[in-house]
Amino acid sequence: MELKKICVGRLGGAVLTTMLKRCNLASLLALPENADTTYFCDLHKRYYPKIEAMTLLSSLFTEMEQIEIFHKRIS
């Protein structure tokens, strides 16, 4: 729930980038270590505030295994 609010918040792109790149929280959030936060930020800027959190989060994954790990973690 908190990650969803961060993603769709006004500063979602910047906050998530900081969480993944500076704070190294990707493994704790079950997100890929090498996530492309640039694309995430582009989507956030373009579609804010009408984009869903899962749409934004899906932009971070490049392989099916990453999605499976994330799904197991949030289920």
PDB file of N, CA and C in Angstrom:
ATOM      1  N   MET A   1       0.818  -1.189   0.000  1.00  0.00           N
ATOM      2  CA  MET A   1       0.000   0.000   0.000  1.00  0.00           C
ATOM      3  C   MET A   1       0.866   1.260   0.000  1.00  0.00           C
ATOM      4  N   GLU A   2       1.913   1.300   0.794  1.00  0.00           N
ATOM      5  CA  GLU A   2       2.763   2.473   0.861  1.00  0.00           C
ATOM      6  C   GLU A   2       3.525   2.676  -0.441  1.00  0.00           C
ATOM      7  N   LEU A   3       3.988   1.592  -1.045  1.00  0.00           N
ATOM      8  CA  LEU A   3       4.714   1.699  -2.314  1.00  0.00           C
ATOM      9  C   LEU A   3       3.799   2.251  -3.400  1.00  0.00           C
ATOM     10  N   LYS A   4       2.554   1.858  -3.366  1.00  0.00           N
ATOM     11  CA  LYS A   4       1.577   2.372  -4.330  1.00  0.00           C
ATOM     12  C   LYS A   4       1.437   3.881  -4.185  1.00  0.00           C
ATOM     13  N   LYS A   5       1.333   4.359  -2.972  1.00  0.00           N
ATOM     14  CA  LYS A   5       1.189   5.795  -2.731  1.00  0.00           C
ATOM     15  C   LYS A   5       2.439   6.560  -3.142  1.00  0.00           C
ATOM     16  N   ILE A   6       3.599   5.963  -2.938  1.00  0.00           N
ATOM     17  CA  ILE A   6       4.846   6.603  -3.360  1.00  0.00           C
ATOM     18  C   ILE A   6       4.878   6.724  -4.874  1.00  0.00           C
ATOM     19  N   CYS A   7       4.531   5.662  -5.565  1.00  0.00           N
ATOM     20  CA  CYS A   7       4.596   5.647  -7.034  1.00  0.00           C
ATOM     21  C   CYS A   7       3.697   6.687  -7.676  1.00  0.00           C
ATOM     22  N   VAL A   8       2.490   6.818  -7.191  1.00  0.00           N
ATOM     23  CA  VAL A   8       1.536   7.724  -7.830  1.00  0.00           C
ATOM     24  C   VAL A   8       1.535   9.119  -7.218  1.00  0.00           C
ATOM     25  N   GLY A   9       2.396   9.342  -6.245  1.00  0.00           N
ATOM     26  CA  GLY A   9       2.485  10.660  -5.633  1.00  0.00           C
ATOM     27  C   GLY A   9       3.133  11.680  -6.555  1.00  0.00           C
ATOM     28  N   ARG A  10       3.052  12.934  -6.168  1.00  0.00           N
ATOM     29  CA  ARG A  10       3.555  14.038  -6.982  1.00  0.00           C
ATOM     30  C   ARG A  10       5.042  13.895  -7.295  1.00  0.00           C
ATOM     31  N   LEU A  11       5.818  13.393  -6.366  1.00  0.00           N
ATOM     32  CA  LEU A  11       7.260  13.217  -6.555  1.00  0.00           C
ATOM     33  C   LEU A  11       7.634  11.745  -6.692  1.00  0.00           C
ATOM     34  N   GLY A  12       6.732  10.943  -7.182  1.00  0.00           N
ATOM     35  CA  GLY A  12       6.933   9.499  -7.262  1.00  0.00           C
ATOM     36  C   GLY A  12       8.192   9.078  -7.986  1.00  0.00           C
ATOM     37  N   GLY A  13       8.469   9.675  -9.125  1.00  0.00           N
ATOM     38  CA  GLY A  13       9.658   9.308  -9.890  1.00  0.00           C
ATOM     39  C   GLY A  13      10.940   9.581  -9.133  1.00  0.00           C
ATOM     40  N   ALA A  14      11.042  10.751  -8.557  1.00  0.00           N
ATOM     41  CA  ALA A  14      12.247  11.132  -7.816  1.00  0.00           C
ATOM     42  C   ALA A  14      12.413  10.296  -6.552  1.00  0.00           C
ATOM     43  N   VAL A  15      11.325  10.070  -5.846  1.00  0.00           N
ATOM     44  CA  VAL A  15      11.397   9.305  -4.600  1.00  0.00           C
ATOM     45  C   VAL A  15      11.786   7.855  -4.872  1.00  0.00           C
ATOM     46  N   LEU A  16      11.162   7.232  -5.859  1.00  0.00           N
ATOM     47  CA  LEU A  16      11.481   5.838  -6.157  1.00  0.00           C
ATOM     48  C   LEU A  16      12.916   5.698  -6.671  1.00  0.00           C
ATOM     49  N   THR A  17      13.365   6.640  -7.475  1.00  0.00           N
ATOM     50  CA  THR A  17      14.750   6.612  -7.951  1.00  0.00           C
ATOM     51  C   THR A  17      15.714   6.686  -6.777  1.00  0.00           C
ATOM     52  N   THR A  18      15.445   7.561  -5.830  1.00  0.00           N
ATOM     53  CA  THR A  18      16.292   7.679  -4.641  1.00  0.00           C
ATOM     54  C   THR A  18      16.273   6.391  -3.832  1.00  0.00           C
ATOM     55  N   MET A  19      15.100   5.808  -3.673  1.00  0.00           N
ATOM     56  CA  MET A  19      14.985   4.566  -2.911  1.00  0.00           C
ATOM     57  C   MET A  19      15.796   3.439  -3.545  1.00  0.00           C
ATOM     58  N   LEU A  20      15.782   3.356  -4.868  1.00  0.00           N
ATOM     59  CA  LEU A  20      16.458   2.252  -5.549  1.00  0.00           C
ATOM     60  C   LEU A  20      17.943   2.508  -5.758  1.00  0.00           C
ATOM     61  N   LYS A  21      18.313   3.717  -6.128  1.00  0.00           N
ATOM     62  CA  LYS A  21      19.704   4.000  -6.501  1.00  0.00           C
ATOM     63  C   LYS A  21      20.572   4.416  -5.318  1.00  0.00           C
ATOM     64  N   ARG A  22      20.081   5.313  -4.490  1.00  0.00           N
ATOM     65  CA  ARG A  22      20.892   5.814  -3.374  1.00  0.00           C
ATOM     66  C   ARG A  22      20.781   4.960  -2.118  1.00  0.00           C
ATOM     67  N   CYS A  23      19.566   4.515  -1.832  1.00  0.00           N
ATOM     68  CA  CYS A  23      19.339   3.762  -0.594  1.00  0.00           C
ATOM     69  C   CYS A  23      19.464   2.253  -0.775  1.00  0.00           C
ATOM     70  N   ASN A  24      19.572   1.799  -2.025  1.00  0.00           N
ATOM     71  CA  ASN A  24      19.720   0.369  -2.332  1.00  0.00           C
ATOM     72  C   ASN A  24      18.613  -0.484  -1.707  1.00  0.00           C
ATOM     73  N   LEU A  25      17.379  -0.057  -1.883  1.00  0.00           N
ATOM     74  CA  LEU A  25      16.239  -0.774  -1.313  1.00  0.00           C
ATOM     75  C   LEU A  25      15.572  -1.728  -2.293  1.00  0.00           C
ATOM     76  N   ALA A  26      16.122  -1.878  -3.473  1.00  0.00           N
ATOM     77  CA  ALA A  26      15.492  -2.713  -4.502  1.00  0.00           C
ATOM     78  C   ALA A  26      15.252  -4.141  -4.010  1.00  0.00           C
ATOM     79  N   SER A  27      16.240  -4.741  -3.386  1.00  0.00           N
ATOM     80  CA  SER A  27      16.081  -6.129  -2.949  1.00  0.00           C
ATOM     81  C   SER A  27      15.024  -6.258  -1.849  1.00  0.00           C
ATOM     82  N   LEU A  28      14.906  -5.267  -0.994  1.00  0.00           N
ATOM     83  CA  LEU A  28      13.898  -5.308   0.066  1.00  0.00           C
ATOM     84  C   LEU A  28      12.486  -5.126  -0.476  1.00  0.00           C
ATOM     85  N   LEU A  29      12.375  -4.454  -1.617  1.00  0.00           N
ATOM     86  CA  LEU A  29      11.070  -4.227  -2.243  1.00  0.00           C
ATOM     87  C   LEU A  29      10.766  -5.256  -3.323  1.00  0.00           C
ATOM     88  N   ALA A  30      11.672  -6.208  -3.515  1.00  0.00           N
ATOM     89  CA  ALA A  30      11.544  -7.243  -4.549  1.00  0.00           C
ATOM     90  C   ALA A  30      11.510  -6.643  -5.945  1.00  0.00           C
ATOM     91  N   LEU A  31      12.229  -5.555  -6.131  1.00  0.00           N
ATOM     92  CA  LEU A  31      12.349  -4.920  -7.444  1.00  0.00           C
ATOM     93  C   LEU A  31      13.723  -5.235  -8.011  1.00  0.00           C
ATOM     94  N   PRO A  32      13.888  -5.182  -9.323  1.00  0.00           N
ATOM     95  CA  PRO A  32      15.179  -5.504  -9.931  1.00  0.00           C
ATOM     96  C   PRO A  32      16.268  -4.509  -9.517  1.00  0.00           C
ATOM     97  N   GLU A  33      17.456  -5.033  -9.279  1.00  0.00           N
ATOM     98  CA  GLU A  33      18.598  -4.189  -8.908  1.00  0.00           C
ATOM     99  C   GLU A  33      18.970  -3.226 -10.029  1.00  0.00           C
ATOM    100  N   ASN A  34      18.792  -3.657 -11.264  1.00  0.00           N
ATOM    101  CA  ASN A  34      19.191  -2.853 -12.423  1.00  0.00           C
ATOM    102  C   ASN A  34      17.991  -2.168 -13.083  1.00  0.00           C
ATOM    103  N   ALA A  35      17.008  -1.795 -12.310  1.00  0.00           N
ATOM    104  CA  ALA A  35      15.776  -1.208 -12.849  1.00  0.00           C
ATOM    105  C   ALA A  35      16.059   0.116 -13.559  1.00  0.00           C
ATOM    106  N   ASP A  36      15.379   0.321 -14.682  1.00  0.00           N
ATOM    107  CA  ASP A  36      15.527   1.548 -15.467  1.00  0.00           C
ATOM    108  C   ASP A  36      14.579   2.608 -14.915  1.00  0.00           C
ATOM    109  N   THR A  37      15.068   3.388 -13.969  1.00  0.00           N
ATOM    110  CA  THR A  37      14.217   4.398 -13.348  1.00  0.00           C
ATOM    111  C   THR A  37      13.990   5.599 -14.265  1.00  0.00           C
ATOM    112  N   THR A  38      14.801   5.752 -15.288  1.00  0.00           N
ATOM    113  CA  THR A  38      14.599   6.851 -16.236  1.00  0.00           C
ATOM    114  C   THR A  38      13.268   6.682 -16.958  1.00  0.00           C
ATOM    115  N   TYR A  39      12.994   5.478 -17.419  1.00  0.00           N
ATOM    116  CA  TYR A  39      11.728   5.201 -18.102  1.00  0.00           C
ATOM    117  C   TYR A  39      10.556   5.368 -17.137  1.00  0.00           C
ATOM    118  N   PHE A  40      10.732   4.906 -15.911  1.00  0.00           N
ATOM    119  CA  PHE A  40       9.714   5.073 -14.871  1.00  0.00           C
ATOM    120  C   PHE A  40       9.387   6.554 -14.692  1.00  0.00           C
ATOM    121  N   CYS A  41      10.417   7.382 -14.574  1.00  0.00           N
ATOM    122  CA  CYS A  41      10.221   8.822 -14.382  1.00  0.00           C
ATOM    123  C   CYS A  41       9.551   9.467 -15.593  1.00  0.00           C
ATOM    124  N   ASP A  42       9.930   9.032 -16.788  1.00  0.00           N
ATOM    125  CA  ASP A  42       9.304   9.562 -18.008  1.00  0.00           C
ATOM    126  C   ASP A  42       7.805   9.266 -18.027  1.00  0.00           C
ATOM    127  N   LEU A  43       7.449   8.032 -17.694  1.00  0.00           N
ATOM    128  CA  LEU A  43       6.030   7.670 -17.641  1.00  0.00           C
ATOM    129  C   LEU A  43       5.290   8.478 -16.581  1.00  0.00           C
ATOM    130  N   HIS A  44       5.935   8.630 -15.427  1.00  0.00           N
ATOM    131  CA  HIS A  44       5.314   9.374 -14.337  1.00  0.00           C
ATOM    132  C   HIS A  44       5.047  10.818 -14.749  1.00  0.00           C
ATOM    133  N   LYS A  45       6.030  11.463 -15.357  1.00  0.00           N
ATOM    134  CA  LYS A  45       5.864  12.859 -15.789  1.00  0.00           C
ATOM    135  C   LYS A  45       4.780  12.986 -16.853  1.00  0.00           C
ATOM    136  N   ARG A  46       4.764  12.066 -17.783  1.00  0.00           N
ATOM    137  CA  ARG A  46       3.836  12.150 -18.906  1.00  0.00           C
ATOM    138  C   ARG A  46       2.381  11.922 -18.484  1.00  0.00           C
ATOM    139  N   TYR A  47       2.143  10.966 -17.588  1.00  0.00           N
ATOM    140  CA  TYR A  47       0.771  10.569 -17.283  1.00  0.00           C
ATOM    141  C   TYR A  47       0.280  10.941 -15.886  1.00  0.00           C
ATOM    142  N   TYR A  48       1.114  11.588 -15.087  1.00  0.00           N
ATOM    143  CA  TYR A  48       0.684  12.008 -13.753  1.00  0.00           C
ATOM    144  C   TYR A  48      -0.473  12.980 -13.885  1.00  0.00           C
ATOM    145  N   PRO A  49      -1.508  12.890 -13.116  1.00  0.00           N
ATOM    146  CA  PRO A  49      -1.805  11.994 -11.997  1.00  0.00           C
ATOM    147  C   PRO A  49      -2.729  10.842 -12.370  1.00  0.00           C
ATOM    148  N   LYS A  50      -2.883  10.536 -13.634  1.00  0.00           N
ATOM    149  CA  LYS A  50      -3.876   9.540 -14.055  1.00  0.00           C
ATOM    150  C   LYS A  50      -3.289   8.165 -14.348  1.00  0.00           C
ATOM    151  N   ILE A  51      -2.109   7.871 -13.848  1.00  0.00           N
ATOM    152  CA  ILE A  51      -1.506   6.564 -14.105  1.00  0.00           C
ATOM    153  C   ILE A  51      -1.607   5.703 -12.848  1.00  0.00           C
ATOM    154  N   GLU A  52      -1.793   4.431 -13.048  1.00  0.00           N
ATOM    155  CA  GLU A  52      -1.888   3.483 -11.936  1.00  0.00           C
ATOM    156  C   GLU A  52      -0.493   3.066 -11.464  1.00  0.00           C
ATOM    157  N   ALA A  53      -0.389   2.747 -10.190  1.00  0.00           N
ATOM    158  CA  ALA A  53       0.892   2.368  -9.602  1.00  0.00           C
ATOM    159  C   ALA A  53       1.484   1.125 -10.269  1.00  0.00           C
ATOM    160  N   MET A  54       0.657   0.124 -10.549  1.00  0.00           N
ATOM    161  CA  MET A  54       1.177  -1.107 -11.150  1.00  0.00           C
ATOM    162  C   MET A  54       1.670  -0.882 -12.571  1.00  0.00           C
ATOM    163  N   THR A  55       1.086   0.062 -13.281  1.00  0.00           N
ATOM    164  CA  THR A  55       1.579   0.394 -14.618  1.00  0.00           C
ATOM    165  C   THR A  55       2.982   0.966 -14.513  1.00  0.00           C
ATOM    166  N   LEU A  56       3.179   1.850 -13.555  1.00  0.00           N
ATOM    167  CA  LEU A  56       4.506   2.422 -13.343  1.00  0.00           C
ATOM    168  C   LEU A  56       5.504   1.353 -12.901  1.00  0.00           C
ATOM    169  N   LEU A  57       5.107   0.534 -11.944  1.00  0.00           N
ATOM    170  CA  LEU A  57       6.017  -0.500 -11.445  1.00  0.00           C
ATOM    171  C   LEU A  57       6.383  -1.500 -12.534  1.00  0.00           C
ATOM    172  N   SER A  58       5.456  -1.799 -13.414  1.00  0.00           N
ATOM    173  CA  SER A  58       5.753  -2.764 -14.478  1.00  0.00           C
ATOM    174  C   SER A  58       6.847  -2.258 -15.412  1.00  0.00           C
ATOM    175  N   SER A  59       7.046  -0.957 -15.479  1.00  0.00           N
ATOM    176  CA  SER A  59       8.097  -0.409 -16.339  1.00  0.00           C
ATOM    177  C   SER A  59       9.498  -0.711 -15.808  1.00  0.00           C
ATOM    178  N   LEU A  60       9.599  -1.152 -14.569  1.00  0.00           N
ATOM    179  CA  LEU A  60      10.902  -1.451 -13.971  1.00  0.00           C
ATOM    180  C   LEU A  60      11.398  -2.862 -14.296  1.00  0.00           C
ATOM    181  N   PHE A  61      10.512  -3.728 -14.766  1.00  0.00           N
ATOM    182  CA  PHE A  61      10.860  -5.127 -15.011  1.00  0.00           C
ATOM    183  C   PHE A  61      11.215  -5.369 -16.470  1.00  0.00           C
ATOM    184  N   THR A  62      12.233  -6.207 -16.690  1.00  0.00           N
ATOM    185  CA  THR A  62      12.639  -6.554 -18.054  1.00  0.00           C
ATOM    186  C   THR A  62      12.542  -8.049 -18.324  1.00  0.00           C
ATOM    187  N   GLU A  63      12.449  -8.856 -17.262  1.00  0.00           N
ATOM    188  CA  GLU A  63      12.394 -10.306 -17.417  1.00  0.00           C
ATOM    189  C   GLU A  63      11.237 -10.879 -16.600  1.00  0.00           C
ATOM    190  N   MET A  64      10.707 -11.969 -17.078  1.00  0.00           N
ATOM    191  CA  MET A  64       9.577 -12.614 -16.409  1.00  0.00           C
ATOM    192  C   MET A  64       9.941 -13.066 -14.989  1.00  0.00           C
ATOM    193  N   GLU A  65      11.167 -13.497 -14.773  1.00  0.00           N
ATOM    194  CA  GLU A  65      11.598 -13.956 -13.454  1.00  0.00           C
ATOM    195  C   GLU A  65      11.504 -12.830 -12.427  1.00  0.00           C
ATOM    196  N   GLN A  66      11.821 -11.611 -12.851  1.00  0.00           N
ATOM    197  CA  GLN A  66      11.735 -10.464 -11.951  1.00  0.00           C
ATOM    198  C   GLN A  66      10.290 -10.226 -11.514  1.00  0.00           C
ATOM    199  N   ILE A  67       9.382 -10.391 -12.440  1.00  0.00           N
ATOM    200  CA  ILE A  67       7.959 -10.210 -12.128  1.00  0.00           C
ATOM    201  C   ILE A  67       7.485 -11.295 -11.168  1.00  0.00           C
ATOM    202  N   GLU A  68       7.940 -12.526 -11.378  1.00  0.00           N
ATOM    203  CA  GLU A  68       7.547 -13.628 -10.506  1.00  0.00           C
ATOM    204  C   GLU A  68       8.044 -13.405  -9.084  1.00  0.00           C
ATOM    205  N   ILE A  69       9.263 -12.931  -8.942  1.00  0.00           N
ATOM    206  CA  ILE A  69       9.817 -12.643  -7.614  1.00  0.00           C
ATOM    207  C   ILE A  69       8.999 -11.553  -6.929  1.00  0.00           C
ATOM    208  N   PHE A  70       8.696 -10.507  -7.668  1.00  0.00           N
ATOM    209  CA  PHE A  70       7.899  -9.412  -7.119  1.00  0.00           C
ATOM    210  C   PHE A  70       6.512  -9.902  -6.705  1.00  0.00           C
ATOM    211  N   HIS A  71       5.890 -10.703  -7.544  1.00  0.00           N
ATOM    212  CA  HIS A  71       4.549 -11.216  -7.249  1.00  0.00           C
ATOM    213  C   HIS A  71       4.550 -12.083  -5.988  1.00  0.00           C
ATOM    214  N   LYS A  72       5.560 -12.932  -5.838  1.00  0.00           N
ATOM    215  CA  LYS A  72       5.647 -13.775  -4.639  1.00  0.00           C
ATOM    216  C   LYS A  72       5.796 -12.919  -3.388  1.00  0.00           C
ATOM    217  N   ARG A  73       6.558 -11.842  -3.511  1.00  0.00           N
ATOM    218  CA  ARG A  73       6.827 -10.985  -2.359  1.00  0.00           C
ATOM    219  C   ARG A  73       5.584 -10.211  -1.910  1.00  0.00           C
ATOM    220  N   ILE A  74       4.785  -9.737  -2.868  1.00  0.00           N
ATOM    221  CA  ILE A  74       3.630  -8.927  -2.481  1.00  0.00           C
ATOM    222  C   ILE A  74       2.388  -9.758  -2.189  1.00  0.00           C
ATOM    223  N   SER A  75       2.410 -11.023  -2.538  1.00  0.00           N
ATOM    224  CA  SER A  75       1.234 -11.882  -2.304  1.00  0.00           C
ATOM    225  C   SER A  75       1.181 -12.385  -0.882  1.00  0.00           C
TER     226      SER A  75
END
